[in-house]
């Protein structure tokens, strides 16, 4: 049975300040939890309506009604786990690095983390205003890829200023990515959903690239940032 203090702790983790205060984040669903259990991340507590074979010492069996009280999902999926937020790792700036300038939507960030995992990008660097990667909606959208991509939050302008690698930025008026020479090493910067890349970050970009529109009317204003990231990463890897 869940205690009031357990319910209070778990539900508080929807907010970043409490995740930082307690050092935990929430993962929901059997598949997502199984992915993290097979990673280096440390399980703190597992609340489940079905027993996991080798986690009995950290497992709390609960009812479906109790799971609904602590779940952040409309339809809870049999289990919810608390994992410890890992220690910050040093950034390895070799190969391709993706950088996010003020991306706010959890679904977009989660999808971009999955894309980095898919395309073999190990490092994702984020401006301090980018949504927290341990937000429950981000974790849900990564579908386990959070365990294989190092996500860092930093002063993005300073980080880019100190790069010896070329810094690419996604812009509507940039060079056609399909005819651009793309290196194996570099930083690809993606901007905010509504405003794109900020002026401060634009000033440290060494090459602007764009995804051309092929529609007859040329009426589409822009692409979703996660969709654009997928196309650009595909081109960088195809060039390799």
Protein backbone atom coordinates (compact mmCIF):
# COMPACT_ATOMS: atom_id res chain seq x y z
CA UNK A 1 0.00 0.00 0.00
CA UNK A 2 1.23 3.48 -0.86
CA UNK A 3 1.74 5.94 1.97
CA UNK A 4 0.82 9.62 1.72
CA UNK A 5 4.51 10.56 1.83
CA UNK A 6 5.28 8.24 -1.09
CA UNK A 7 2.44 9.72 -3.15
CA UNK A 8 3.58 13.25 -2.32
CA UNK A 9 7.18 12.51 -3.32
CA UNK A 10 6.29 10.87 -6.62
CA UNK A 11 3.76 13.48 -7.74
CA UNK A 12 6.17 16.30 -6.84
CA UNK A 13 8.68 14.95 -9.37
CA UNK A 14 6.57 16.40 -12.17
CA UNK A 15 8.35 19.68 -11.34
CA UNK A 16 12.03 20.25 -12.07
CA UNK A 17 12.79 21.89 -8.71
CA UNK A 18 11.67 18.79 -6.82
CA UNK A 19 13.54 16.46 -9.18
CA UNK A 20 16.68 18.44 -8.39
CA UNK A 21 15.87 18.57 -4.67
CA UNK A 22 15.30 14.82 -4.31
CA UNK A 23 17.63 13.62 -7.10
CA UNK A 24 15.03 11.33 -8.70
CA UNK A 25 13.09 11.17 -11.96
CA UNK A 26 10.06 9.11 -13.01
CA UNK A 27 9.85 6.40 -15.67
CA UNK A 28 6.54 4.79 -16.56
CA UNK A 29 5.60 1.62 -18.41
CA UNK A 30 7.06 -1.89 -18.42
CA UNK A 31 9.11 -1.44 -21.61
CA UNK A 32 10.63 1.91 -20.60
CA UNK A 33 11.52 0.67 -17.12
CA UNK A 34 13.07 -2.52 -18.53
CA UNK A 35 15.29 -0.40 -20.81
CA UNK A 36 16.58 1.63 -17.88
CA UNK A 37 17.07 -1.42 -15.68
CA UNK A 38 19.52 -2.70 -18.30
CA UNK A 39 21.51 0.54 -18.23
CA UNK A 40 23.98 2.15 -15.82
CA UNK A 41 21.19 4.19 -14.20
CA UNK A 42 20.39 3.29 -10.59
CA UNK A 43 16.90 2.23 -9.61
CA UNK A 44 15.60 3.76 -6.37
CA UNK A 45 12.09 2.33 -6.13
CA UNK A 46 9.74 0.36 -8.36
CA UNK A 47 5.96 0.54 -7.97
CA UNK A 48 4.17 -2.12 -9.99
CA UNK A 49 0.99 -4.11 -10.36
CA UNK A 50 3.09 -7.03 -11.73
CA UNK A 51 6.21 -8.38 -10.06
CA UNK A 52 9.61 -7.91 -11.74
CA UNK A 53 11.72 -11.06 -11.35
CA UNK A 54 14.97 -9.67 -9.87
CA UNK A 55 13.94 -6.37 -8.29
CA UNK A 56 12.03 -7.60 -5.25
CA UNK A 57 14.18 -5.66 -2.76
CA UNK A 58 13.19 -2.35 -4.38
CA UNK A 59 9.75 -3.39 -5.55
CA UNK A 60 6.45 -2.24 -4.07
CA UNK A 61 3.37 -4.12 -5.30
CA UNK A 62 0.42 -1.77 -5.69
CA UNK A 63 -3.09 -1.88 -7.11
CA UNK A 64 -4.17 -0.35 -10.41
CA UNK A 65 -6.09 2.28 -8.44
CA UNK A 66 -2.94 3.25 -6.52
CA UNK A 67 -0.93 3.40 -9.74
CA UNK A 68 -3.48 5.82 -11.17
CA UNK A 69 -2.89 8.15 -8.20
CA UNK A 70 0.83 8.48 -8.91
CA UNK A 71 0.91 8.17 -12.70
CA UNK A 72 1.41 11.15 -15.01
CA UNK A 73 -0.21 9.23 -17.88
CA UNK A 74 -3.88 9.30 -18.86
CA UNK A 75 -3.77 5.51 -19.06
CA UNK A 76 -1.18 4.14 -16.59
CA UNK A 77 0.91 1.21 -17.85
CA UNK A 78 1.31 -1.34 -15.01
CA UNK A 79 4.45 0.15 -13.45
CA UNK A 80 6.19 3.35 -12.37
CA UNK A 81 9.79 3.62 -11.22
CA UNK A 82 11.99 6.22 -9.60
CA UNK A 83 15.58 6.33 -10.85
CA UNK A 84 18.42 8.42 -9.47
CA UNK A 85 19.47 11.36 -11.62
CA UNK A 86 22.99 10.45 -12.80
CA UNK A 87 26.10 12.54 -12.20
CA UNK A 88 27.09 15.00 -14.91
CA UNK A 89 29.51 13.55 -17.46
CA UNK A 90 32.21 15.41 -19.37
CA UNK A 91 31.33 16.28 -22.97
CA UNK A 92 33.29 14.40 -25.64
CA UNK A 93 33.50 16.73 -28.63
CA UNK A 94 34.54 14.26 -31.27
CA UNK A 95 32.25 13.28 -34.11
CA UNK A 96 28.93 15.05 -34.56
CA UNK A 97 27.40 16.97 -31.64
CA UNK A 98 23.81 18.26 -31.60
CA UNK A 99 23.10 21.53 -29.77
CA UNK A 100 19.66 22.87 -28.83
CA UNK A 101 18.98 26.58 -28.40
CA UNK A 102 15.94 27.02 -26.13
CA UNK A 103 13.86 24.02 -27.26
CA UNK A 104 10.87 24.03 -24.91
CA UNK A 105 8.54 21.20 -25.93
CA UNK A 106 9.12 17.94 -23.99
CA UNK A 107 7.97 15.81 -26.91
CA UNK A 108 10.42 17.50 -29.25
CA UNK A 109 13.34 17.02 -26.86
CA UNK A 110 12.45 13.38 -26.26
CA UNK A 111 12.24 12.73 -30.00
CA UNK A 112 15.57 14.50 -30.62
CA UNK A 113 17.24 12.32 -27.96
CA UNK A 114 15.86 9.26 -29.78
CA UNK A 115 17.16 10.63 -33.08
CA UNK A 116 20.62 11.17 -31.61
CA UNK A 117 20.58 7.55 -30.43
CA UNK A 118 19.41 6.33 -33.85
CA UNK A 119 22.07 8.24 -35.78
CA UNK A 120 24.89 7.46 -33.36
CA UNK A 121 25.24 10.96 -31.89
CA UNK A 122 26.60 10.52 -28.36
CA UNK A 123 26.49 14.16 -27.19
CA UNK A 124 23.49 16.48 -26.99
CA UNK A 125 24.23 19.92 -25.53
CA UNK A 126 21.42 22.23 -24.48
CA UNK A 127 21.03 25.87 -23.53
CA UNK A 128 20.00 26.37 -19.93
CA UNK A 129 16.47 27.36 -21.03
CA UNK A 130 15.90 24.12 -22.92
CA UNK A 131 13.36 21.80 -21.27
CA UNK A 132 14.78 19.42 -18.65
CA UNK A 133 15.65 16.00 -20.08
CA UNK A 134 14.31 14.34 -16.90
CA UNK A 135 10.84 15.83 -17.38
CA UNK A 136 8.42 12.83 -17.34
CA UNK A 137 7.12 13.65 -20.84
CA UNK A 138 10.67 13.83 -22.20
CA UNK A 139 11.57 10.49 -20.59
CA UNK A 140 8.43 8.91 -22.06
CA UNK A 141 9.26 10.22 -25.55
CA UNK A 142 12.86 8.96 -25.48
CA UNK A 143 11.68 5.34 -25.08
CA UNK A 144 14.95 4.38 -23.38
CA UNK A 145 17.34 6.41 -25.54
CA UNK A 146 18.10 8.68 -22.57
CA UNK A 147 20.43 5.89 -21.38
CA UNK A 148 22.61 6.09 -24.51
CA UNK A 149 22.91 9.85 -25.13
CA UNK A 150 24.82 12.23 -22.84
CA UNK A 151 22.63 15.33 -22.37
CA UNK A 152 24.37 18.43 -20.97
CA UNK A 153 23.05 21.87 -19.98
CA UNK A 154 25.44 24.81 -20.27
CA UNK A 155 26.13 28.32 -21.49
CA UNK A 156 25.56 27.45 -25.14
CA UNK A 157 27.05 30.64 -26.57
CA UNK A 158 30.31 30.15 -24.67
CA UNK A 159 30.45 26.46 -25.58
CA UNK A 160 30.11 27.25 -29.30
CA UNK A 161 32.61 30.11 -29.15
CA UNK A 162 35.23 27.69 -27.83
CA UNK A 163 34.73 25.08 -30.56
CA UNK A 164 37.45 24.29 -33.08
CA UNK A 165 34.94 22.21 -35.07
CA UNK A 166 32.64 23.93 -37.60
CA UNK A 167 29.30 25.03 -36.14
CA UNK A 168 26.27 24.50 -38.39
CA UNK A 169 22.91 26.12 -37.77
CA UNK A 170 19.47 25.37 -39.21
CA UNK A 171 18.03 28.49 -40.90
CA UNK A 172 15.34 29.10 -43.51
CA UNK A 173 17.80 31.18 -45.56
CA UNK A 174 20.77 28.81 -45.23
CA UNK A 175 22.57 26.84 -47.92
CA UNK A 176 20.66 23.88 -49.35
CA UNK A 177 21.73 20.95 -47.15
CA UNK A 178 21.41 18.53 -50.08
CA UNK A 179 24.20 20.31 -51.95
CA UNK A 180 26.36 21.19 -48.92
CA UNK A 181 29.69 19.60 -48.07
CA UNK A 182 29.12 18.13 -44.61
CA UNK A 183 32.03 17.01 -42.43
CA UNK A 184 32.16 14.00 -40.09
CA UNK A 185 32.91 16.29 -37.14
CA UNK A 186 30.97 19.39 -36.22
CA UNK A 187 28.17 20.87 -34.14
CA UNK A 188 24.62 21.06 -35.48
CA UNK A 189 22.53 23.74 -33.76
CA UNK A 190 18.72 23.59 -33.77
CA UNK A 191 16.61 26.48 -32.54
CA UNK A 192 13.47 27.27 -30.57
CA UNK A 193 10.13 26.03 -31.92
CA UNK A 194 8.69 29.53 -32.47
CA UNK A 195 11.71 31.79 -32.90
CA UNK A 196 14.45 29.59 -34.32
CA UNK A 197 18.09 30.18 -33.37
CA UNK A 198 18.62 33.27 -31.21
CA UNK A 199 20.70 36.22 -32.41
CA UNK A 200 23.45 35.57 -29.85
CA UNK A 201 23.86 31.97 -31.05
CA UNK A 202 23.56 32.98 -34.71
CA UNK A 203 26.65 35.16 -34.27
CA UNK A 204 28.82 32.13 -33.48
CA UNK A 205 27.50 29.89 -36.28
CA UNK A 206 30.07 29.27 -39.01
CA UNK A 207 27.71 27.85 -41.65
CA UNK A 208 23.95 28.14 -42.14
CA UNK A 209 22.10 25.22 -43.72
CA UNK A 210 18.47 24.82 -44.72
CA UNK A 211 16.04 22.14 -45.86
CA UNK A 212 14.49 23.32 -49.14
CA UNK A 213 10.74 23.30 -49.71
CA UNK A 214 9.55 21.28 -52.70
CA UNK A 215 5.82 22.05 -52.50
CA UNK A 216 4.36 23.88 -55.52
CA UNK A 217 2.93 26.73 -53.44
CA UNK A 218 5.96 27.09 -51.12
CA UNK A 219 3.43 27.96 -48.43
CA UNK A 220 4.63 25.86 -45.46
CA UNK A 221 6.13 28.24 -42.91
CA UNK A 222 8.59 25.84 -41.27
CA UNK A 223 9.23 22.28 -40.16
CA UNK A 224 8.84 20.95 -36.63
CA UNK A 225 12.26 21.10 -34.93
CA UNK A 226 12.40 17.33 -34.34
CA UNK A 227 11.46 16.62 -37.97
CA UNK A 228 14.12 19.06 -39.19
CA UNK A 229 16.69 17.43 -36.90
CA UNK A 230 15.90 14.02 -38.38
CA UNK A 231 16.43 15.26 -41.95
CA UNK A 232 19.66 17.10 -41.16
CA UNK A 233 21.16 14.22 -39.17
CA UNK A 234 20.33 11.90 -42.01
CA UNK A 235 22.22 14.15 -44.43
CA UNK A 236 25.26 14.44 -42.15
CA UNK A 237 25.42 10.66 -41.82
CA UNK A 238 24.79 10.07 -45.54
CA UNK A 239 27.74 12.36 -46.35
CA UNK A 240 29.92 10.21 -44.08
